[in-house]
Amino acid sequence: MSKRARASRRPVTLSRMPDHSGSPVLSLGVVGIGSWGQHVLAAFASTPRCRIAYVCDRDASTLALRAAAHPAARAVASFDAVLSDAGVDAVAIATDAPEHASLARDALSAGKHVFVEKPLALSTSEARAVVGLAERRRLKLMVGHVLEYHPALRVIEGMLERGDLGRIYYAYSQRINLGVVRQQENAWWSLAPHDVAMICRLFVAEPVAVAAQGQAMLQKGIEDVVFATLTFADGRLAHVHVSWLDPHKIRKLTLVGSSKMVTFDDMSVNEKVRVYDKGAECRQPMAAFPDAVTVRSGDIVIPKIPGDEPLRLECRHFVDAVLDGGPIRSDGAAGVRVVRVLEAGQRSLSSGGRLVRLSDVG
């Protein structure tokens, strides 16, 4: 193990005193506490070994509302006030996407560990700059790819590690509903990070090229629906369909393997994962057999999935990683990987769907 790797495992020295049990406590400021940020705030507030020191938002009514629910935290409109307090160990950033990279850089420059919502940045160069700063300052950086912490995804990961599904041929996902319509980012940047993160995690790889097509019906230049195909070096494919202009609310990922197939339906209450003992087999050489391809259809298995809330698991993972010096699952490298795919997809969207290689993105 390298010196850098050993150093990253060392517990971080924190400015706050231990709690009554003697365990160190992370002093956290949360910036951006609106529609999604309120859930991030609530999750960190319920996380063991974490104390909310600041709530921060430019909107006065939002700030007053959250401050009333967290009276022990200081309520401020200025992010600089959070960063200037030496007693704050880390910040959680849940603002609009265009601000993620700049606020993360400011926090890292101030010596704070950073949890930042997805996407990490709106360009690969910006994302890499944030990661480089975190590495130089030897600070923790975590990107909020919340579905990477979903118990259902961890169950599917286990299946893949054991080889239960055989060789994975392809995957496809749908993340569609009616609303929320963004004004500062399109459906691709708003919704696809979840699916790109999951697919890259399950494939243990990033794609080599992306082709994407979409349409902007409600606002000029802001695509409401996007269909994208991700191509991997070994021939695997993944298709991502995202939209906030659809009559159905679907949050579903399907993986097709040579032995079995599996679905992850996040809208299902009790059957989030279904494993299908289905497949097709080819006898070789095919020309020698009149029925060379045989289709097999077996049982459907519905494994029990732990009911832990992904966001709470994600927040606890960040707190534990900072306090104990452990690795982060959705770290800066994972954030860059997702942004790189998103940027390639955006270039494809802007050029009518041409195939864009990730090597051309940087």
Protein backbone atom coordinates (compact mmCIF):
# COMPACT_ATOMS: atom_id res chain seq x y z
CA MET A 1 0.00 0.00 0.00
CA SER A 2 1.36 3.44 -0.95
CA LYS A 3 2.07 6.21 1.57
CA ARG A 4 -0.87 8.17 0.12
CA ALA A 5 -3.22 5.18 0.56
CA ARG A 6 -2.04 4.67 4.13
CA ALA A 7 -2.52 8.34 4.89
CA SER A 8 -6.06 8.34 3.51
CA ARG A 9 -7.00 5.62 5.97
CA ARG A 10 -5.91 7.60 9.02
CA PRO A 11 -8.70 9.08 11.14
CA VAL A 12 -9.07 12.79 10.43
CA THR A 13 -8.33 15.26 13.23
CA LEU A 14 -11.53 17.17 13.89
CA SER A 15 -12.18 20.47 15.52
CA ARG A 16 -15.21 19.37 17.53
CA MET A 17 -15.24 17.75 20.94
CA PRO A 18 -16.45 14.13 21.30
CA ASP A 19 -20.05 13.47 22.26
CA HIS A 20 -21.16 12.11 25.63
CA SER A 21 -20.19 8.57 24.58
CA GLY A 22 -16.64 9.62 23.78
CA SER A 23 -17.04 9.26 20.00
CA PRO A 24 -15.85 12.11 17.77
CA VAL A 25 -18.60 14.22 16.24
CA LEU A 26 -18.60 15.78 12.78
CA SER A 27 -19.61 19.46 12.77
CA LEU A 28 -21.48 20.02 9.50
CA GLY A 29 -22.86 22.97 7.59
CA VAL A 30 -25.59 22.34 5.00
CA VAL A 31 -25.95 24.81 2.13
CA GLY A 32 -28.97 24.70 -0.15
CA ILE A 33 -31.87 23.52 1.98
CA GLY A 34 -34.75 23.82 -0.48
CA SER A 35 -36.68 21.07 -2.24
CA TRP A 36 -34.00 18.35 -2.16
CA GLY A 37 -31.66 19.99 0.31
CA GLN A 38 -34.25 19.71 3.07
CA HIS A 39 -34.04 15.92 2.78
CA VAL A 40 -30.24 16.00 2.85
CA LEU A 41 -30.43 18.18 5.96
CA ALA A 42 -32.90 15.84 7.67
CA ALA A 43 -30.79 12.78 6.83
CA PHE A 44 -27.59 14.27 8.23
CA ALA A 45 -29.46 15.54 11.30
CA SER A 46 -30.48 11.95 12.10
CA THR A 47 -27.03 10.50 11.41
CA PRO A 48 -25.05 9.29 14.42
CA ARG A 49 -21.86 11.26 15.18
CA CYS A 50 -23.03 14.26 13.19
CA ARG A 51 -24.02 17.70 14.46
CA ILE A 52 -25.67 20.31 12.25
CA ALA A 53 -23.74 23.49 12.99
CA TYR A 54 -25.11 25.67 10.17
CA VAL A 55 -28.03 25.82 7.80
CA CYS A 56 -27.44 28.11 4.84
CA ASP A 57 -29.69 29.37 2.06
CA ARG A 58 -30.15 32.64 0.17
CA ASP A 59 -33.94 32.38 0.32
CA ALA A 60 -35.07 34.00 3.56
CA SER A 61 -38.33 32.07 3.92
CA THR A 62 -36.64 28.72 3.30
CA LEU A 63 -33.91 29.58 5.77
CA ALA A 64 -36.42 30.59 8.46
CA LEU A 65 -38.42 27.41 7.97
CA ARG A 66 -35.43 25.08 8.26
CA ALA A 67 -33.94 27.06 11.14
CA ALA A 68 -37.14 26.56 13.12
CA ALA A 69 -36.78 22.79 12.69
CA HIS A 70 -33.07 22.88 13.68
CA PRO A 71 -32.82 25.48 16.46
CA ALA A 72 -29.35 24.34 17.56
CA ALA A 73 -27.88 25.27 14.17
CA ARG A 74 -26.88 28.77 13.13
CA ALA A 75 -28.96 30.05 10.21
CA VAL A 76 -27.03 32.16 7.71
CA ALA A 77 -27.54 33.41 4.18
CA SER A 78 -23.82 33.64 3.44
CA PHE A 79 -21.78 30.54 2.60
CA ASP A 80 -18.66 32.49 3.59
CA ALA A 81 -19.96 32.59 7.15
CA VAL A 82 -19.96 28.80 7.23
CA LEU A 83 -16.51 28.50 5.68
CA SER A 84 -14.92 31.07 7.97
CA ASP A 85 -15.89 29.13 11.11
CA ALA A 86 -12.93 26.97 12.12
CA GLY A 87 -15.30 24.83 14.15
CA VAL A 88 -16.99 23.46 11.00
CA ASP A 89 -15.40 20.23 9.80
CA ALA A 90 -17.42 19.58 6.64
CA VAL A 91 -20.11 20.98 4.40
CA ALA A 92 -22.95 19.37 2.46
CA ILE A 93 -23.83 21.16 -0.78
CA ALA A 94 -27.34 20.67 -2.17
CA THR A 95 -27.78 23.81 -4.28
CA ASP A 96 -28.63 24.02 -7.98
CA ALA A 97 -26.23 22.04 -10.18
CA PRO A 98 -24.43 25.03 -11.76
CA GLU A 99 -23.09 26.00 -8.32
CA HIS A 100 -21.81 22.58 -7.26
CA ALA A 101 -18.24 22.83 -8.52
CA SER A 102 -17.57 26.41 -7.39
CA LEU A 103 -18.99 25.89 -3.90
CA ALA A 104 -17.09 22.61 -3.52
CA ARG A 105 -13.84 24.35 -4.49
CA ASP A 106 -14.50 27.15 -1.99
CA ALA A 107 -15.18 24.65 0.78
CA LEU A 108 -12.09 22.55 0.03
CA SER A 109 -9.97 25.71 -0.12
CA ALA A 110 -11.29 26.57 3.34
CA GLY A 111 -10.15 23.17 4.64
CA LYS A 112 -13.60 21.54 4.84
CA HIS A 113 -14.50 18.01 3.81
CA VAL A 114 -17.21 18.07 1.15
CA PHE A 115 -20.39 16.19 0.36
CA VAL A 116 -21.80 17.59 -2.88
CA GLU A 117 -24.96 16.57 -4.67
CA LYS A 118 -24.87 15.19 -8.21
CA PRO A 119 -23.63 16.12 -10.67
CA LEU A 120 -20.25 17.11 -9.29
CA ALA A 121 -19.86 19.70 -12.06
CA LEU A 122 -21.19 20.61 -15.48
CA SER A 123 -17.96 19.78 -17.29
CA THR A 124 -15.24 17.18 -16.96
CA SER A 125 -12.54 19.81 -16.58
CA GLU A 126 -14.43 21.43 -13.68
CA ALA A 127 -15.00 18.05 -12.01
CA ARG A 128 -11.33 17.13 -12.29
CA ALA A 129 -10.30 20.48 -10.84
CA VAL A 130 -12.44 19.83 -7.75
CA VAL A 131 -11.05 16.31 -7.33
CA GLY A 132 -7.48 17.54 -7.75
CA LEU A 133 -8.00 20.18 -5.07
CA ALA A 134 -9.43 17.60 -2.64
CA GLU A 135 -6.43 15.35 -3.23
CA ARG A 136 -3.94 18.16 -2.71
CA ARG A 137 -5.66 19.27 0.48
CA ARG A 138 -6.06 15.63 1.61
CA LEU A 139 -9.75 16.19 2.26
CA LYS A 140 -12.71 13.88 1.75
CA LEU A 141 -14.90 14.50 -1.30
CA MET A 142 -18.14 12.61 -1.78
CA VAL A 143 -20.66 12.97 -4.62
CA GLY A 144 -24.34 12.37 -3.87
CA HIS A 145 -24.99 9.40 -6.15
CA VAL A 146 -27.68 8.26 -3.75
CA LEU A 147 -28.75 5.15 -5.65
CA GLU A 148 -25.26 3.72 -5.31
CA TYR A 149 -26.24 3.26 -1.65
CA HIS A 150 -29.63 1.67 -2.32
CA PRO A 151 -29.84 -1.77 -0.68
CA ALA A 152 -31.41 -3.15 -3.87
CA LEU A 153 -28.40 -2.13 -5.93
CA ARG A 154 -26.06 -3.72 -3.39
CA VAL A 155 -28.04 -6.97 -3.68
CA ILE A 156 -27.67 -6.90 -7.48
CA GLU A 157 -23.96 -6.15 -7.12
CA GLY A 158 -23.63 -9.31 -5.06
CA MET A 159 -25.35 -11.32 -7.79
CA LEU A 160 -22.93 -10.00 -10.38
CA GLU A 161 -19.90 -10.66 -8.20
CA ARG A 162 -21.03 -14.28 -7.75
CA GLY A 163 -21.73 -14.64 -11.46
CA ASP A 164 -25.42 -15.45 -10.89
CA LEU A 165 -26.52 -13.66 -14.07
CA GLY A 166 -23.77 -15.01 -16.28
CA ARG A 167 -22.25 -12.61 -18.78
CA ILE A 168 -24.11 -9.29 -18.92
CA TYR A 169 -25.25 -8.48 -22.45
CA TYR A 170 -26.94 -5.12 -21.94
CA ALA A 171 -28.89 -2.90 -19.57
CA TYR A 172 -31.60 -0.30 -19.95
CA SER A 173 -33.22 2.18 -17.61
CA GLN A 174 -36.23 4.48 -17.47
CA ARG A 175 -36.42 7.51 -15.18
CA ILE A 176 -39.55 9.33 -16.28
CA ASN A 177 -42.45 11.23 -14.73
CA LEU A 178 -44.46 14.47 -15.05
CA GLY A 179 -42.40 17.24 -13.32
CA VAL A 180 -40.22 18.73 -11.77
CA VAL A 181 -39.29 20.85 -14.82
CA ARG A 182 -35.88 22.50 -14.36
CA GLN A 183 -34.82 25.80 -15.86
CA GLN A 184 -31.06 25.63 -15.35
CA GLU A 185 -30.45 22.06 -16.54
CA ASN A 186 -32.11 19.64 -18.95
CA ALA A 187 -33.57 16.22 -18.18
CA TRP A 188 -30.28 14.56 -19.12
CA TRP A 189 -28.23 16.42 -16.50
CA SER A 190 -31.03 16.36 -13.92
CA LEU A 191 -32.12 12.72 -14.09
CA ALA A 192 -29.53 10.64 -15.93
CA PRO A 193 -26.73 10.91 -13.31
CA HIS A 194 -28.58 8.33 -11.22
CA ASP A 195 -28.72 5.77 -14.02
CA VAL A 196 -25.23 6.47 -15.37
CA ALA A 197 -23.80 6.01 -11.86
CA MET A 198 -25.66 2.72 -11.34
CA ILE A 199 -24.75 1.31 -14.75
CA CYS A 200 -21.07 2.19 -14.42
CA ARG A 201 -21.06 0.68 -10.93
CA LEU A 202 -22.69 -2.56 -12.04
CA PHE A 203 -20.63 -2.85 -15.24
CA VAL A 204 -17.46 -1.98 -13.27
CA ALA A 205 -16.50 0.21 -16.22
CA GLU A 206 -17.30 3.46 -17.95
CA PRO A 207 -18.55 3.58 -21.54
CA VAL A 208 -16.25 4.43 -24.41
CA ALA A 209 -18.90 6.36 -26.37
CA VAL A 210 -22.35 7.93 -26.01
CA ALA A 211 -25.04 8.75 -28.57
CA ALA A 212 -28.03 10.78 -27.38
CA GLN A 213 -31.10 12.35 -28.92
CA GLY A 214 -33.74 14.50 -27.28
CA GLN A 215 -36.30 17.23 -27.70
CA ALA A 216 -36.97 20.55 -25.98
CA MET A 217 -40.74 21.06 -26.01
CA LEU A 218 -41.35 23.36 -23.06
CA GLN A 219 -38.27 25.60 -22.99
CA LYS A 220 -35.96 26.39 -25.86
CA GLY A 221 -32.60 24.64 -25.54
CA ILE A 222 -33.58 22.60 -22.46
CA GLU A 223 -34.37 19.02 -23.45
CA ASP A 224 -37.41 17.55 -21.68
CA VAL A 225 -36.81 14.01 -22.94
CA VAL A 226 -33.58 12.21 -23.83
CA PHE A 227 -32.80 8.75 -25.19
CA ALA A 228 -29.14 7.79 -24.88
CA THR A 229 -27.10 4.71 -25.75
CA LEU A 230 -23.87 3.99 -23.88
CA THR A 231 -21.37 1.72 -25.63
CA PHE A 232 -18.73 -0.17 -23.62
CA ALA A 233 -15.35 -1.43 -24.81
CA ASP A 234 -16.32 -5.10 -24.44
CA GLY A 235 -19.46 -4.73 -26.57
CA ARG A 236 -22.00 -4.29 -23.76
CA LEU A 237 -24.68 -1.67 -24.30
CA ALA A 238 -26.81 0.41 -21.95
CA HIS A 239 -29.81 2.51 -22.91
CA VAL A 240 -31.00 5.41 -20.73
CA HIS A 241 -34.43 7.06 -21.15
CA VAL A 242 -35.09 10.15 -19.04
CA SER A 243 -37.98 12.61 -19.14
CA TRP A 244 -39.94 14.96 -16.91
CA LEU A 245 -42.72 15.16 -19.49
CA ASP A 246 -44.36 11.74 -19.36
CA PRO A 247 -47.69 10.36 -18.05
CA HIS A 248 -45.95 7.51 -16.19
CA LYS A 249 -43.72 7.62 -13.15
CA ILE A 250 -41.12 4.92 -13.70
CA ARG A 251 -37.80 4.35 -11.96
CA LYS A 252 -36.59 1.05 -13.35
CA LEU A 253 -33.32 -0.62 -14.34
CA THR A 254 -33.09 -3.95 -16.20
CA LEU A 255 -30.01 -6.09 -16.72
CA VAL A 256 -30.01 -8.94 -19.23
CA GLY A 257 -27.43 -11.68 -18.71
CA SER A 258 -26.55 -14.93 -20.39
CA SER A 259 -27.90 -16.96 -17.46
CA LYS A 260 -30.50 -14.77 -15.78
CA MET A 261 -32.09 -11.34 -15.95
CA VAL A 262 -32.85 -8.90 -13.14
CA THR A 263 -34.93 -5.77 -12.66
CA PHE A 264 -34.64 -3.03 -10.06
CA ASP A 265 -37.98 -1.22 -9.78
CA ASP A 266 -37.63 1.59 -7.28
CA MET A 267 -41.34 2.42 -7.50
CA SER A 268 -42.31 -1.02 -6.19
CA VAL A 269 -42.92 -1.17 -2.46
CA ASN A 270 -42.29 -4.86 -1.82
CA GLU A 271 -40.73 -6.20 -5.02
CA LYS A 272 -37.89 -3.84 -5.81
CA VAL A 273 -35.74 -6.64 -7.25
CA ARG A 274 -36.95 -9.49 -9.44
CA VAL A 275 -34.63 -12.18 -10.75
CA TYR A 276 -35.84 -13.99 -13.89
CA ASP A 277 -34.41 -17.43 -14.60
CA LYS A 278 -34.70 -16.81 -18.32
CA GLY A 279 -32.25 -16.94 -21.18
CA ALA A 280 -31.40 -18.13 -24.66
CA GLU A 281 -28.79 -20.69 -25.59
CA CYS A 282 -27.14 -21.26 -28.98
CA ARG A 283 -25.79 -24.60 -30.15
CA GLN A 284 -22.65 -24.25 -32.23
CA PRO A 285 -22.13 -24.28 -35.13
CA MET A 286 -25.61 -22.80 -35.62
CA ALA A 287 -25.82 -23.83 -39.28
CA ALA A 288 -25.64 -27.49 -38.28
CA PHE A 289 -28.79 -27.38 -36.14
CA PRO A 290 -32.32 -26.55 -37.35
CA ASP A 291 -33.24 -25.33 -33.85
CA ALA A 292 -29.90 -23.87 -32.88
CA VAL A 293 -31.37 -21.31 -30.49
CA THR A 294 -33.36 -22.54 -27.51
CA VAL A 295 -35.20 -20.23 -25.13
CA ARG A 296 -35.36 -21.11 -21.45
CA SER A 297 -37.94 -19.73 -19.01
CA GLY A 298 -37.76 -20.67 -15.35
CA ASP A 299 -38.77 -19.27 -11.98
CA ILE A 300 -39.01 -15.66 -10.86
CA VAL A 301 -37.28 -15.00 -7.54
CA ILE A 302 -38.03 -11.90 -5.44
CA PRO A 303 -35.25 -11.47 -2.87
CA LYS A 304 -35.90 -9.65 0.36
CA ILE A 305 -34.38 -6.17 0.29
CA PRO A 306 -33.45 -4.32 3.50
CA GLY A 307 -35.70 -1.33 4.06
CA ASP A 308 -32.94 1.15 4.91
CA GLU A 309 -33.39 4.57 3.32
CA PRO A 310 -30.63 5.15 0.71
CA LEU A 311 -30.14 8.83 1.59
CA ARG A 312 -29.61 8.03 5.27
CA LEU A 313 -27.14 5.28 4.34
CA GLU A 314 -25.33 7.70 2.05
CA CYS A 315 -25.06 10.40 4.71
CA ARG A 316 -23.88 7.95 7.33
CA HIS A 317 -21.25 6.66 4.91
CA PHE A 318 -19.88 10.20 4.51
CA VAL A 319 -19.77 10.87 8.24
CA ASP A 320 -18.09 7.53 8.95
CA ALA A 321 -15.57 8.04 6.15
CA VAL A 322 -14.54 11.45 7.47
CA LEU A 323 -14.39 10.45 11.12
CA ASP A 324 -12.71 7.08 10.59
CA GLY A 325 -10.60 7.85 7.55
CA GLY A 326 -12.16 5.13 5.37
CA PRO A 327 -12.72 5.10 1.61
CA ILE A 328 -15.76 6.69 -0.02
CA ARG A 329 -17.88 4.66 -2.42
CA SER A 330 -19.07 7.57 -4.60
CA ASP A 331 -15.83 9.50 -4.41
CA GLY A 332 -14.43 12.18 -6.67
CA ALA A 333 -13.32 9.65 -9.28
CA ALA A 334 -16.88 8.32 -9.50
CA GLY A 335 -18.13 11.90 -9.81
CA VAL A 336 -15.75 12.62 -12.69
CA ARG A 337 -16.76 9.39 -14.44
CA VAL A 338 -20.44 10.33 -14.40
CA VAL A 339 -19.80 13.92 -15.49
CA ARG A 340 -17.65 12.66 -18.36
CA VAL A 341 -20.50 10.48 -19.62
CA LEU A 342 -22.98 13.33 -19.20
CA GLU A 343 -20.75 15.76 -21.09
CA ALA A 344 -20.32 13.27 -23.95
CA GLY A 345 -24.10 12.82 -24.03
CA GLN A 346 -24.65 16.57 -24.09
CA ARG A 347 -22.24 16.97 -27.01
CA SER A 348 -24.15 14.24 -28.83
CA LEU A 349 -27.47 15.95 -28.07
CA SER A 350 -26.15 19.25 -29.38
CA SER A 351 -24.99 17.66 -32.63
CA GLY A 352 -28.13 15.73 -33.53
CA GLY A 353 -27.24 12.42 -31.97
CA ARG A 354 -23.78 11.70 -33.38
CA LEU A 355 -21.63 9.19 -31.50
CA VAL A 356 -19.25 10.99 -29.13
CA ARG A 357 -16.25 9.12 -27.76
CA LEU A 358 -15.31 9.77 -24.16
CA SER A 359 -11.65 10.04 -25.20
CA ASP A 360 -12.64 13.22 -27.04
CA VAL A 361 -14.20 14.69 -23.90
CA GLY A 362 -11.04 14.51 -21.80
